[in-house]
C-alpha atoms as a PDB file:
ATOM      1  CA  MET A   1       0.000   0.000   0.000  1.00  0.00           C
ATOM      2  CA  LEU A   2       2.890   2.412   0.680  1.00  0.00           C
ATOM      3  CA  ASP A   3       4.345   3.873  -2.516  1.00  0.00           C
ATOM      4  CA  HIS A   4       7.034   6.037  -0.949  1.00  0.00           C
ATOM      5  CA  LEU A   5       7.947   8.004   2.176  1.00  0.00           C
ATOM      6  CA  ALA A   6      10.030  11.187   2.461  1.00  0.00           C
ATOM      7  CA  LEU A   7      11.870  12.098   5.651  1.00  0.00           C
ATOM      8  CA  GLN A   8      13.249  15.500   6.608  1.00  0.00           C
ATOM      9  CA  CYS A   9      16.868  15.118   7.732  1.00  0.00           C
ATOM     10  CA  THR A  10      19.284  17.487   9.414  1.00  0.00           C
ATOM     11  CA  ASP A  11      22.169  15.847   7.501  1.00  0.00           C
ATOM     12  CA  VAL A  12      21.018  14.039   4.346  1.00  0.00           C
ATOM     13  CA  GLY A  13      24.408  12.402   3.735  1.00  0.00           C
ATOM     14  CA  ALA A  14      24.615  11.018   7.273  1.00  0.00           C
ATOM     15  CA  ALA A  15      21.009   9.778   7.083  1.00  0.00           C
ATOM     16  CA  ALA A  16      21.669   8.056   3.734  1.00  0.00           C
ATOM     17  CA  GLU A  17      24.794   6.377   5.102  1.00  0.00           C
ATOM     18  CA  PHE A  18      22.890   5.279   8.224  1.00  0.00           C
ATOM     19  CA  TYR A  19      19.940   3.777   6.364  1.00  0.00           C
ATOM     20  CA  THR A  20      22.026   2.012   3.710  1.00  0.00           C
ATOM     21  CA  ARG A  21      24.365   0.518   6.330  1.00  0.00           C
ATOM     22  CA  VAL A  22      21.803  -0.482   8.949  1.00  0.00           C
ATOM     23  CA  LEU A  23      19.096  -1.702   6.535  1.00  0.00           C
ATOM     24  CA  ALA A  24      21.445  -3.443   4.081  1.00  0.00           C
ATOM     25  CA  PRO A  25      20.237  -6.863   5.326  1.00  0.00           C
ATOM     26  CA  CYS A  26      16.778  -5.894   3.998  1.00  0.00           C
ATOM     27  CA  GLY A  27      18.206  -5.051   0.582  1.00  0.00           C
ATOM     28  CA  VAL A  28      18.093  -1.256   1.078  1.00  0.00           C
ATOM     29  CA  ARG A  29      20.570   0.710  -1.035  1.00  0.00           C
ATOM     30  CA  GLU A  30      21.010   4.167  -2.543  1.00  0.00           C
ATOM     31  CA  LEU A  31      19.410   4.376  -5.990  1.00  0.00           C
ATOM     32  CA  MET A  32      19.768   8.063  -6.818  1.00  0.00           C
ATOM     33  CA  ARG A  33      21.028  11.366  -5.475  1.00  0.00           C
ATOM     34  CA  TYR A  34      20.525  14.871  -6.817  1.00  0.00           C
ATOM     35  CA  GLU A  35      20.494  18.515  -5.748  1.00  0.00           C
ATOM     36  CA  ALA A  36      17.008  19.908  -5.154  1.00  0.00           C
ATOM     37  CA  PRO A  37      16.012  22.853  -7.336  1.00  0.00           C
ATOM     38  CA  GLY A  38      16.370  26.301  -5.797  1.00  0.00           C
ATOM     39  CA  GLY A  39      19.220  25.361  -3.472  1.00  0.00           C
ATOM     40  CA  GLY A  40      17.122  22.964  -1.395  1.00  0.00           C
ATOM     41  CA  GLY A  41      20.090  20.681  -0.706  1.00  0.00           C
ATOM     42  CA  SER A  42      20.671  17.042  -1.525  1.00  0.00           C
ATOM     43  CA  VAL A  43      17.875  14.564  -2.078  1.00  0.00           C
ATOM     44  CA  VAL A  44      18.583  10.831  -1.844  1.00  0.00           C
ATOM     45  CA  GLY A  45      16.287   8.068  -3.074  1.00  0.00           C
ATOM     46  CA  LEU A  46      16.735   4.668  -1.426  1.00  0.00           C
ATOM     47  CA  CYS A  47      15.326   1.434  -2.796  1.00  0.00           C
ATOM     48  CA  GLY A  48      14.933  -2.174  -1.818  1.00  0.00           C
ATOM     49  CA  PRO A  49      15.100  -5.315  -3.936  1.00  0.00           C
ATOM     50  CA  ASP A  50      12.402  -3.982  -6.298  1.00  0.00           C
ATOM     51  CA  ASN A  51      14.724  -1.119  -7.420  1.00  0.00           C
ATOM     52  CA  PHE A  52      11.973   1.470  -6.846  1.00  0.00           C
ATOM     53  CA  PRO A  53      12.861   4.563  -4.755  1.00  0.00           C
ATOM     54  CA  ARG A  54      10.439   4.190  -1.843  1.00  0.00           C
ATOM     55  CA  LEU A  55      12.358   6.057   0.869  1.00  0.00           C
ATOM     56  CA  TRP A  56      13.384   9.638   0.123  1.00  0.00           C
ATOM     57  CA  LEU A  57      15.721  11.688   2.312  1.00  0.00           C
ATOM     58  CA  GLY A  58      15.778  15.480   2.009  1.00  0.00           C
ATOM     59  CA  SER A  59      16.882  18.516   3.970  1.00  0.00           C
ATOM     60  CA  ALA A  60      14.810  19.521   6.994  1.00  0.00           C
ATOM     61  CA  VAL A  61      12.390  22.336   6.244  1.00  0.00           C
ATOM     62  CA  ASP A  62      10.566  22.095   9.595  1.00  0.00           C
ATOM     63  CA  THR A  63      12.815  21.799  12.624  1.00  0.00           C
ATOM     64  CA  GLY A  64       9.960  21.167  15.077  1.00  0.00           C
ATOM     65  CA  HIS A  65       9.370  17.830  16.815  1.00  0.00           C
ATOM     66  CA  ARG A  66       8.311  15.493  13.990  1.00  0.00           C
ATOM     67  CA  PRO A  67       9.162  11.839  14.722  1.00  0.00           C
ATOM     68  CA  VAL A  68       7.986   9.316  12.146  1.00  0.00           C
ATOM     69  CA  HIS A  69       7.566   5.561  12.421  1.00  0.00           C
ATOM     70  CA  LEU A  70       9.040   3.698   9.443  1.00  0.00           C
ATOM     71  CA  ALA A  71       8.765  -0.085   9.082  1.00  0.00           C
ATOM     72  CA  VAL A  72      10.904  -1.859   6.497  1.00  0.00           C
ATOM     73  CA  SER A  73      10.166  -5.421   5.369  1.00  0.00           C
ATOM     74  CA  ALA A  74      12.926  -7.908   6.079  1.00  0.00           C
ATOM     75  CA  PRO A  75      13.272 -11.097   4.019  1.00  0.00           C
ATOM     76  CA  SER A  76      13.912 -13.272   7.093  1.00  0.00           C
ATOM     77  CA  ARG A  77      14.316 -13.282  10.857  1.00  0.00           C
ATOM     78  CA  GLU A  78      18.067 -13.507  10.288  1.00  0.00           C
ATOM     79  CA  ALA A  79      17.872 -10.230   8.346  1.00  0.00           C
ATOM     80  CA  VAL A  80      16.055  -8.606  11.297  1.00  0.00           C
ATOM     81  CA  ASP A  81      18.859  -9.837  13.568  1.00  0.00           C
ATOM     82  CA  ALA A  82      21.462  -8.454  11.137  1.00  0.00           C
ATOM     83  CA  VAL A  83      19.700  -5.056  11.132  1.00  0.00           C
ATOM     84  CA  PHE A  84      19.800  -5.108  14.940  1.00  0.00           C
ATOM     85  CA  ALA A  85      23.543  -5.857  14.888  1.00  0.00           C
ATOM     86  CA  ALA A  86      24.180  -3.076  12.363  1.00  0.00           C
ATOM     87  CA  ALA A  87      22.085  -0.568  14.329  1.00  0.00           C
ATOM     88  CA  ARG A  88      23.854  -1.473  17.559  1.00  0.00           C
ATOM     89  CA  SER A  89      27.283  -1.155  15.923  1.00  0.00           C
ATOM     90  CA  ALA A  90      26.223   2.246  14.546  1.00  0.00           C
ATOM     91  CA  GLY A  91      25.657   3.345  18.145  1.00  0.00           C
ATOM     92  CA  THR A  92      21.999   4.200  17.645  1.00  0.00           C
ATOM     93  CA  GLU A  93      19.366   3.955  20.384  1.00  0.00           C
ATOM     94  CA  ILE A  94      17.740   0.523  20.366  1.00  0.00           C
ATOM     95  CA  LEU A  95      14.080   0.874  21.349  1.00  0.00           C
ATOM     96  CA  HIS A  96      13.227  -2.852  21.318  1.00  0.00           C
ATOM     97  CA  GLU A  97      15.590  -5.740  20.567  1.00  0.00           C
ATOM     98  CA  PRO A  98      14.434  -8.370  18.056  1.00  0.00           C
ATOM     99  CA  ARG A  99      11.606 -10.563  19.262  1.00  0.00           C
ATOM    100  CA  VAL A 100       8.229 -11.964  18.318  1.00  0.00           C
ATOM    101  CA  TRP A 101       5.373  -9.516  18.904  1.00  0.00           C
ATOM    102  CA  PRO A 102       2.355 -11.848  19.361  1.00  0.00           C
ATOM    103  CA  GLU A 103       0.074  -8.894  20.090  1.00  0.00           C
ATOM    104  CA  TYR A 104       0.422  -8.000  16.374  1.00  0.00           C
ATOM    105  CA  HIS A 105       0.318 -11.611  15.129  1.00  0.00           C
ATOM    106  CA  PRO A 106       2.156 -14.830  16.101  1.00  0.00           C
ATOM    107  CA  GLY A 107       4.768 -14.523  13.331  1.00  0.00           C
ATOM    108  CA  TYR A 108       5.569 -10.799  13.714  1.00  0.00           C
ATOM    109  CA  TYR A 109       9.341 -10.601  14.359  1.00  0.00           C
ATOM    110  CA  ALA A 110      10.832  -7.114  14.603  1.00  0.00           C
ATOM    111  CA  VAL A 111      13.484  -4.773  15.968  1.00  0.00           C
ATOM    112  CA  PHE A 112      12.896  -1.053  16.669  1.00  0.00           C
ATOM    113  CA  PHE A 113      15.559   1.689  16.828  1.00  0.00           C
ATOM    114  CA  ARG A 114      16.105   5.446  16.322  1.00  0.00           C
ATOM    115  CA  ASP A 115      17.614   6.977  13.213  1.00  0.00           C
ATOM    116  CA  PRO A 116      19.969  10.012  13.460  1.00  0.00           C
ATOM    117  CA  ASP A 117      16.962  12.381  13.384  1.00  0.00           C
ATOM    118  CA  GLY A 118      15.055  10.599  16.175  1.00  0.00           C
ATOM    119  CA  ASN A 119      12.597   8.676  14.005  1.00  0.00           C
ATOM    120  CA  ASN A 120      11.350   5.261  15.172  1.00  0.00           C
ATOM    121  CA  VAL A 121      12.550   2.723  12.580  1.00  0.00           C
ATOM    122  CA  GLU A 122      11.515  -0.923  12.488  1.00  0.00           C
ATOM    123  CA  ALA A 123      12.725  -3.924  10.515  1.00  0.00           C
ATOM    124  CA  VAL A 124      10.018  -6.617  10.458  1.00  0.00           C
ATOM    125  CA  HIS A 125       9.616 -10.113   9.092  1.00  0.00           C
ATOM    126  CA  HIS A 126       6.187 -11.756   8.903  1.00  0.00           C
ATOM    127  CA  THR A 127       5.927 -15.525   9.186  1.00  0.00           C
ATOM    128  CA  PHE A 128       2.485 -16.947   8.612  1.00  0.00           C
ATOM    129  CA  PRO A 129       1.450 -20.532   9.334  1.00  0.00           C
ATOM    130  CA  GLY A 130       0.914 -22.834   6.404  1.00  0.00           C
END
């Protein structure tokens, strides 16, 4: 259902490096980068395995409190664990270590952490019976 999401970042380059390093186990990589018209700073488009830029990073235009929750699909529980390891090694705040969240559904396995701008980021793998 989600086509794309754009996040305001205080440092677009640092945010792009963070997301591509920490979410690499989910297939996230930089697809494109350009300078916004009118001196708006860098814009980075990140994609997953489908090669479609679904996560956009741009310069902050509103510096108020604006946390976002972003959930990225992981191809396996091992990928969720690898995201956790990458986030921890990046020194980011871990909100919830990887575990099953049965209150969502019995096969919901996820990790939650903060990005450099304070957003709540999740890597999740869904396992369904059958």
